[in-house]
Amino acid sequence: MKYLILMQVDPTVLENLTDDQQKSIMDGHAAFMAEIKASGEMLSTHALGDPSQTTTVRARGGKPEVLDGPYAETKEFMGGYYLIDVESKDRAVELARKIPDASIDGLALEVRPVMFSDGEPV
C-alpha cells in the first residue's frame, strides 16, 4: 500500500540548528533514501519551497480568486514528502521513524495512506 510521509517543518527550529546538525540531517536523508531505494519501497520524494513563495487559489463568491501566500497561516508548514510503497502502516511508521527529522524536537512526520493516484506510473 502506498503511504505519504509528510515532513512538517518549523523554520525557527531549523534556523537554530548548528551547521553540524544541519549536515547530519542532510546526510541522514541521503542514507534514508539509499535504504528505501535499495529495498524497493521508495516511489518518489520532493522538497517544497518556502511558504512565502506560495500562491493560493480559492473560491470567493463561487469564482476562483488568486492570493499570495499559503492557504493557512501557521508556524509549521509542509516541507516535502516521501511517497513509499510498503506492506503495512506499521512499516510506513517504522520508516518515518528513521528520517532524521523524527529525532529533532519541533519537527514532525505525518504518515497518511494514499487513497487515489493518477499521472506518472510509479
N, C-alpha and C. Protein backbone atom coordinates (compact mmCIF):
# COMPACT_ATOMS: atom_id res chain seq x y z
N MET A 1 0.85 -1.18 0.00
CA MET A 1 0.00 0.00 0.00
C MET A 1 0.89 1.24 0.00
N LYS A 2 0.41 2.25 -0.69
CA LYS A 2 1.19 3.49 -0.76
C LYS A 2 0.87 4.40 0.42
N TYR A 3 1.92 5.01 0.93
CA TYR A 3 1.80 5.98 2.02
C TYR A 3 2.60 7.22 1.67
N LEU A 4 2.13 8.35 2.16
CA LEU A 4 2.85 9.60 2.04
C LEU A 4 3.37 9.95 3.42
N ILE A 5 4.66 10.19 3.51
CA ILE A 5 5.26 10.68 4.75
C ILE A 5 5.50 12.16 4.55
N LEU A 6 4.69 12.97 5.22
CA LEU A 6 4.77 14.43 5.09
C LEU A 6 5.74 14.97 6.13
N MET A 7 6.67 15.79 5.68
CA MET A 7 7.65 16.37 6.59
C MET A 7 7.17 17.74 7.02
N GLN A 8 6.79 17.87 8.29
CA GLN A 8 6.31 19.13 8.83
C GLN A 8 7.49 19.90 9.41
N VAL A 9 7.67 21.11 8.94
CA VAL A 9 8.85 21.90 9.27
C VAL A 9 8.46 23.14 10.06
N ASP A 10 9.24 23.44 11.07
CA ASP A 10 9.15 24.72 11.77
C ASP A 10 10.46 25.44 11.46
N PRO A 11 10.41 26.50 10.66
CA PRO A 11 11.66 27.14 10.23
C PRO A 11 12.52 27.66 11.38
N THR A 12 11.89 28.05 12.49
CA THR A 12 12.70 28.53 13.62
C THR A 12 13.54 27.40 14.22
N VAL A 13 13.00 26.19 14.17
CA VAL A 13 13.76 25.03 14.66
C VAL A 13 14.98 24.82 13.77
N LEU A 14 14.77 24.85 12.46
CA LEU A 14 15.89 24.61 11.53
C LEU A 14 16.94 25.72 11.63
N GLU A 15 16.49 26.97 11.80
CA GLU A 15 17.43 28.09 11.88
C GLU A 15 18.33 28.01 13.11
N ASN A 16 17.83 27.35 14.14
CA ASN A 16 18.60 27.26 15.39
C ASN A 16 19.50 26.03 15.47
N LEU A 17 19.52 25.22 14.41
CA LEU A 17 20.41 24.06 14.40
C LEU A 17 21.83 24.52 14.02
N THR A 18 22.80 23.83 14.55
CA THR A 18 24.18 24.12 14.18
C THR A 18 24.44 23.61 12.76
N ASP A 19 25.56 24.07 12.18
CA ASP A 19 25.93 23.58 10.84
C ASP A 19 26.09 22.06 10.86
N ASP A 20 26.69 21.54 11.93
CA ASP A 20 26.88 20.09 12.03
C ASP A 20 25.53 19.36 12.09
N GLN A 21 24.57 19.92 12.83
CA GLN A 21 23.25 19.30 12.91
C GLN A 21 22.54 19.33 11.56
N GLN A 22 22.66 20.45 10.84
CA GLN A 22 22.04 20.54 9.52
C GLN A 22 22.68 19.56 8.55
N LYS A 23 24.00 19.43 8.63
CA LYS A 23 24.69 18.46 7.76
C LYS A 23 24.25 17.04 8.11
N SER A 24 24.10 16.79 9.40
CA SER A 24 23.66 15.47 9.84
C SER A 24 22.27 15.13 9.29
N ILE A 25 21.39 16.13 9.25
CA ILE A 25 20.05 15.90 8.69
C ILE A 25 20.15 15.56 7.20
N MET A 26 20.94 16.36 6.47
CA MET A 26 21.07 16.11 5.03
C MET A 26 21.68 14.73 4.77
N ASP A 27 22.73 14.40 5.53
CA ASP A 27 23.35 13.08 5.37
C ASP A 27 22.37 11.97 5.74
N GLY A 28 21.56 12.22 6.77
CA GLY A 28 20.58 11.23 7.19
C GLY A 28 19.50 11.00 6.13
N HIS A 29 19.07 12.07 5.49
CA HIS A 29 18.09 11.91 4.41
C HIS A 29 18.71 11.13 3.26
N ALA A 30 19.96 11.41 2.92
CA ALA A 30 20.63 10.69 1.82
C ALA A 30 20.70 9.20 2.16
N ALA A 31 21.06 8.89 3.40
CA ALA A 31 21.14 7.49 3.82
C ALA A 31 19.76 6.83 3.80
N PHE A 32 18.75 7.57 4.27
CA PHE A 32 17.38 7.04 4.28
C PHE A 32 16.92 6.74 2.85
N MET A 33 17.17 7.68 1.93
CA MET A 33 16.77 7.47 0.53
C MET A 33 17.49 6.26 -0.06
N ALA A 34 18.77 6.12 0.24
CA ALA A 34 19.52 4.97 -0.29
C ALA A 34 18.92 3.66 0.23
N GLU A 35 18.56 3.65 1.52
CA GLU A 35 17.99 2.45 2.12
C GLU A 35 16.67 2.06 1.48
N ILE A 36 15.76 3.03 1.33
CA ILE A 36 14.43 2.65 0.82
C ILE A 36 14.43 2.48 -0.71
N LYS A 37 15.43 3.04 -1.39
CA LYS A 37 15.59 2.71 -2.81
C LYS A 37 16.05 1.27 -2.94
N ALA A 38 17.01 0.89 -2.12
CA ALA A 38 17.55 -0.48 -2.17
C ALA A 38 16.48 -1.52 -1.83
N SER A 39 15.58 -1.16 -0.91
CA SER A 39 14.53 -2.12 -0.52
C SER A 39 13.36 -2.12 -1.50
N GLY A 40 13.34 -1.16 -2.43
CA GLY A 40 12.26 -1.07 -3.40
C GLY A 40 11.02 -0.40 -2.86
N GLU A 41 11.12 0.26 -1.70
CA GLU A 41 9.95 0.88 -1.07
C GLU A 41 9.77 2.35 -1.45
N MET A 42 10.79 2.97 -2.00
CA MET A 42 10.67 4.40 -2.34
C MET A 42 10.09 4.56 -3.74
N LEU A 43 9.06 5.38 -3.83
CA LEU A 43 8.49 5.71 -5.13
C LEU A 43 8.99 7.07 -5.59
N SER A 44 8.97 8.07 -4.69
CA SER A 44 9.49 9.40 -5.03
C SER A 44 9.61 10.23 -3.76
N THR A 45 10.30 11.34 -3.89
CA THR A 45 10.37 12.32 -2.81
C THR A 45 10.52 13.69 -3.44
N HIS A 46 9.96 14.68 -2.80
CA HIS A 46 10.06 16.05 -3.27
C HIS A 46 10.17 16.98 -2.07
N ALA A 47 11.03 17.99 -2.20
CA ALA A 47 11.10 19.06 -1.20
C ALA A 47 10.35 20.25 -1.76
N LEU A 48 9.62 20.94 -0.91
CA LEU A 48 8.81 22.07 -1.35
C LEU A 48 9.46 23.39 -0.97
N GLY A 49 9.15 24.42 -1.73
CA GLY A 49 9.68 25.76 -1.46
C GLY A 49 9.08 26.36 -0.21
N ASP A 50 9.67 27.47 0.20
CA ASP A 50 9.20 28.19 1.38
C ASP A 50 7.76 28.67 1.18
N PRO A 51 6.95 28.67 2.23
CA PRO A 51 5.56 29.13 2.09
C PRO A 51 5.44 30.56 1.54
N SER A 52 6.47 31.38 1.70
CA SER A 52 6.41 32.75 1.16
C SER A 52 6.31 32.75 -0.36
N GLN A 53 6.63 31.62 -1.00
CA GLN A 53 6.56 31.51 -2.45
C GLN A 53 5.23 30.92 -2.91
N THR A 54 4.29 30.75 -1.98
CA THR A 54 3.02 30.09 -2.28
C THR A 54 2.03 31.05 -2.92
N THR A 55 1.26 30.53 -3.85
CA THR A 55 0.08 31.20 -4.39
C THR A 55 -1.11 30.29 -4.11
N THR A 56 -2.17 30.86 -3.58
CA THR A 56 -3.36 30.08 -3.25
C THR A 56 -4.52 30.49 -4.15
N VAL A 57 -5.19 29.51 -4.70
CA VAL A 57 -6.40 29.74 -5.49
C VAL A 57 -7.56 29.22 -4.66
N ARG A 58 -8.51 30.09 -4.34
CA ARG A 58 -9.66 29.68 -3.54
C ARG A 58 -10.92 30.35 -4.08
N ALA A 59 -12.06 29.79 -3.72
CA ALA A 59 -13.33 30.32 -4.20
C ALA A 59 -13.76 31.53 -3.39
N ARG A 60 -14.23 32.55 -4.09
CA ARG A 60 -14.85 33.74 -3.48
C ARG A 60 -16.09 34.05 -4.32
N GLY A 61 -17.23 33.88 -3.73
CA GLY A 61 -18.47 34.12 -4.47
C GLY A 61 -18.65 33.15 -5.63
N GLY A 62 -18.14 31.94 -5.46
CA GLY A 62 -18.29 30.92 -6.50
C GLY A 62 -17.30 31.05 -7.64
N LYS A 63 -16.33 31.97 -7.54
CA LYS A 63 -15.33 32.13 -8.59
C LYS A 63 -13.94 32.00 -7.99
N PRO A 64 -13.00 31.46 -8.79
CA PRO A 64 -11.64 31.33 -8.25
C PRO A 64 -10.97 32.69 -8.08
N GLU A 65 -10.31 32.84 -6.92
CA GLU A 65 -9.57 34.05 -6.61
C GLU A 65 -8.13 33.64 -6.31
N VAL A 66 -7.17 34.40 -6.82
CA VAL A 66 -5.77 34.08 -6.63
C VAL A 66 -5.16 35.02 -5.59
N LEU A 67 -4.53 34.40 -4.58
CA LEU A 67 -3.96 35.17 -3.47
C LEU A 67 -2.51 34.76 -3.26
N ASP A 68 -1.68 35.70 -2.86
CA ASP A 68 -0.31 35.37 -2.47
C ASP A 68 -0.34 34.79 -1.07
N GLY A 69 0.46 33.77 -0.86
CA GLY A 69 0.60 33.19 0.48
C GLY A 69 -0.09 31.86 0.61
N PRO A 70 0.22 31.17 1.69
CA PRO A 70 -0.33 29.82 1.91
C PRO A 70 -1.81 29.85 2.29
N TYR A 71 -2.46 28.70 2.15
CA TYR A 71 -3.88 28.55 2.48
C TYR A 71 -4.12 28.85 3.96
N ALA A 72 -3.25 28.32 4.79
CA ALA A 72 -3.40 28.51 6.23
C ALA A 72 -2.10 29.10 6.79
N GLU A 73 -2.22 30.15 7.56
CA GLU A 73 -1.06 30.73 8.23
C GLU A 73 -0.77 29.92 9.48
N THR A 74 0.38 29.29 9.48
CA THR A 74 0.78 28.51 10.65
C THR A 74 2.28 28.67 10.85
N LYS A 75 2.72 28.34 12.03
CA LYS A 75 4.15 28.37 12.31
C LYS A 75 4.85 27.26 11.55
N GLU A 76 4.22 26.09 11.46
CA GLU A 76 4.80 24.95 10.76
C GLU A 76 4.23 24.87 9.35
N PHE A 77 4.97 24.25 8.46
CA PHE A 77 4.46 24.04 7.11
C PHE A 77 5.02 22.73 6.57
N MET A 78 4.40 22.24 5.47
CA MET A 78 4.87 21.01 4.86
C MET A 78 6.10 21.32 4.03
N GLY A 79 7.21 20.73 4.40
CA GLY A 79 8.47 20.99 3.72
C GLY A 79 8.76 20.04 2.58
N GLY A 80 8.06 18.94 2.53
CA GLY A 80 8.28 17.96 1.48
C GLY A 80 7.66 16.64 1.87
N TYR A 81 7.90 15.64 1.04
CA TYR A 81 7.32 14.35 1.34
C TYR A 81 8.09 13.21 0.70
N TYR A 82 7.87 12.05 1.24
CA TYR A 82 8.31 10.79 0.64
C TYR A 82 7.06 10.01 0.28
N LEU A 83 6.99 9.51 -0.96
CA LEU A 83 5.93 8.59 -1.36
C LEU A 83 6.54 7.20 -1.37
N ILE A 84 5.97 6.32 -0.56
CA ILE A 84 6.55 4.98 -0.40
C ILE A 84 5.49 3.92 -0.69
N ASP A 85 5.95 2.73 -0.99
CA ASP A 85 5.05 1.59 -1.19
C ASP A 85 5.52 0.48 -0.26
N VAL A 86 4.74 0.21 0.76
CA VAL A 86 5.13 -0.75 1.80
C VAL A 86 3.99 -1.72 2.08
N GLU A 87 4.28 -2.76 2.81
CA GLU A 87 3.28 -3.79 3.07
C GLU A 87 2.24 -3.40 4.12
N SER A 88 2.59 -2.47 5.00
CA SER A 88 1.66 -2.15 6.08
C SER A 88 1.90 -0.74 6.63
N LYS A 89 0.93 -0.26 7.38
CA LYS A 89 1.08 1.03 8.05
C LYS A 89 2.22 0.97 9.06
N ASP A 90 2.36 -0.17 9.72
CA ASP A 90 3.45 -0.32 10.69
C ASP A 90 4.81 -0.10 10.02
N ARG A 91 4.98 -0.64 8.81
CA ARG A 91 6.25 -0.45 8.10
C ARG A 91 6.42 1.02 7.71
N ALA A 92 5.33 1.68 7.30
CA ALA A 92 5.42 3.10 6.95
C ALA A 92 5.87 3.92 8.16
N VAL A 93 5.30 3.61 9.32
CA VAL A 93 5.68 4.32 10.54
C VAL A 93 7.13 3.99 10.92
N GLU A 94 7.50 2.73 10.76
CA GLU A 94 8.88 2.32 11.04
C GLU A 94 9.86 3.13 10.19
N LEU A 95 9.54 3.30 8.90
CA LEU A 95 10.42 4.09 8.03
C LEU A 95 10.41 5.56 8.44
N ALA A 96 9.24 6.10 8.76
CA ALA A 96 9.17 7.51 9.18
C ALA A 96 10.06 7.77 10.39
N ARG A 97 10.12 6.80 11.29
CA ARG A 97 10.95 6.96 12.50
C ARG A 97 12.44 7.03 12.16
N LYS A 98 12.83 6.54 10.97
CA LYS A 98 14.24 6.56 10.56
C LYS A 98 14.65 7.89 9.93
N ILE A 99 13.70 8.70 9.54
CA ILE A 99 14.01 10.00 8.93
C ILE A 99 14.60 10.90 10.01
N PRO A 100 15.71 11.58 9.72
CA PRO A 100 16.39 12.38 10.75
C PRO A 100 15.47 13.37 11.46
N ASP A 101 14.50 13.92 10.77
CA ASP A 101 13.59 14.90 11.38
C ASP A 101 12.87 14.32 12.60
N ALA A 102 12.69 13.01 12.64
CA ALA A 102 11.96 12.37 13.73
C ALA A 102 12.68 12.48 15.06
N SER A 103 13.96 12.85 15.01
CA SER A 103 14.75 12.95 16.25
C SER A 103 15.02 14.39 16.65
N ILE A 104 14.33 15.33 16.02
CA ILE A 104 14.56 16.74 16.33
C ILE A 104 13.28 17.34 16.90
N ASP A 105 13.36 17.84 18.13
CA ASP A 105 12.20 18.49 18.76
C ASP A 105 11.71 19.63 17.88
N GLY A 106 10.40 19.70 17.69
CA GLY A 106 9.81 20.78 16.90
C GLY A 106 9.54 20.41 15.45
N LEU A 107 10.06 19.28 14.98
CA LEU A 107 9.77 18.80 13.64
C LEU A 107 8.86 17.58 13.77
N ALA A 108 8.16 17.26 12.70
CA ALA A 108 7.24 16.12 12.76
C ALA A 108 7.10 15.47 11.40
N LEU A 109 6.71 14.22 11.42
CA LEU A 109 6.44 13.46 10.21
C LEU A 109 5.02 12.93 10.31
N GLU A 110 4.24 13.14 9.27
CA GLU A 110 2.86 12.70 9.25
C GLU A 110 2.76 11.57 8.23
N VAL A 111 2.23 10.44 8.64
CA VAL A 111 2.11 9.26 7.77
C VAL A 111 0.65 9.10 7.39
N ARG A 112 0.37 9.15 6.09
CA ARG A 112 -1.03 9.04 5.63
C ARG A 112 -1.10 8.09 4.45
N PRO A 113 -2.14 7.24 4.43
CA PRO A 113 -2.31 6.34 3.29
C PRO A 113 -2.74 7.13 2.05
N VAL A 114 -2.30 6.66 0.89
CA VAL A 114 -2.73 7.25 -0.38
C VAL A 114 -4.01 6.52 -0.80
N MET A 115 -5.06 7.25 -1.03
CA MET A 115 -6.35 6.65 -1.37
C MET A 115 -6.59 6.61 -2.88
N PHE A 116 -5.93 7.47 -3.64
CA PHE A 116 -6.11 7.53 -5.09
C PHE A 116 -4.88 8.20 -5.67
N SER A 117 -4.48 7.76 -6.86
CA SER A 117 -3.40 8.46 -7.56
C SER A 117 -3.60 8.28 -9.06
N ASP A 118 -3.08 9.22 -9.80
CA ASP A 118 -3.15 9.19 -11.25
C ASP A 118 -1.95 9.97 -11.75
N GLY A 119 -1.60 9.80 -12.98
CA GLY A 119 -0.46 10.52 -13.54
C GLY A 119 0.65 9.57 -13.87
N GLU A 120 1.89 9.98 -13.57
CA GLU A 120 3.05 9.15 -13.86
C GLU A 120 2.92 7.81 -13.16
N PRO A 121 3.11 6.72 -13.87
CA PRO A 121 3.08 5.42 -13.19
C PRO A 121 4.24 5.29 -12.22
N VAL A 122 3.95 4.77 -11.06
CA VAL A 122 5.01 4.56 -10.06
C VAL A 122 5.00 3.14 -9.59
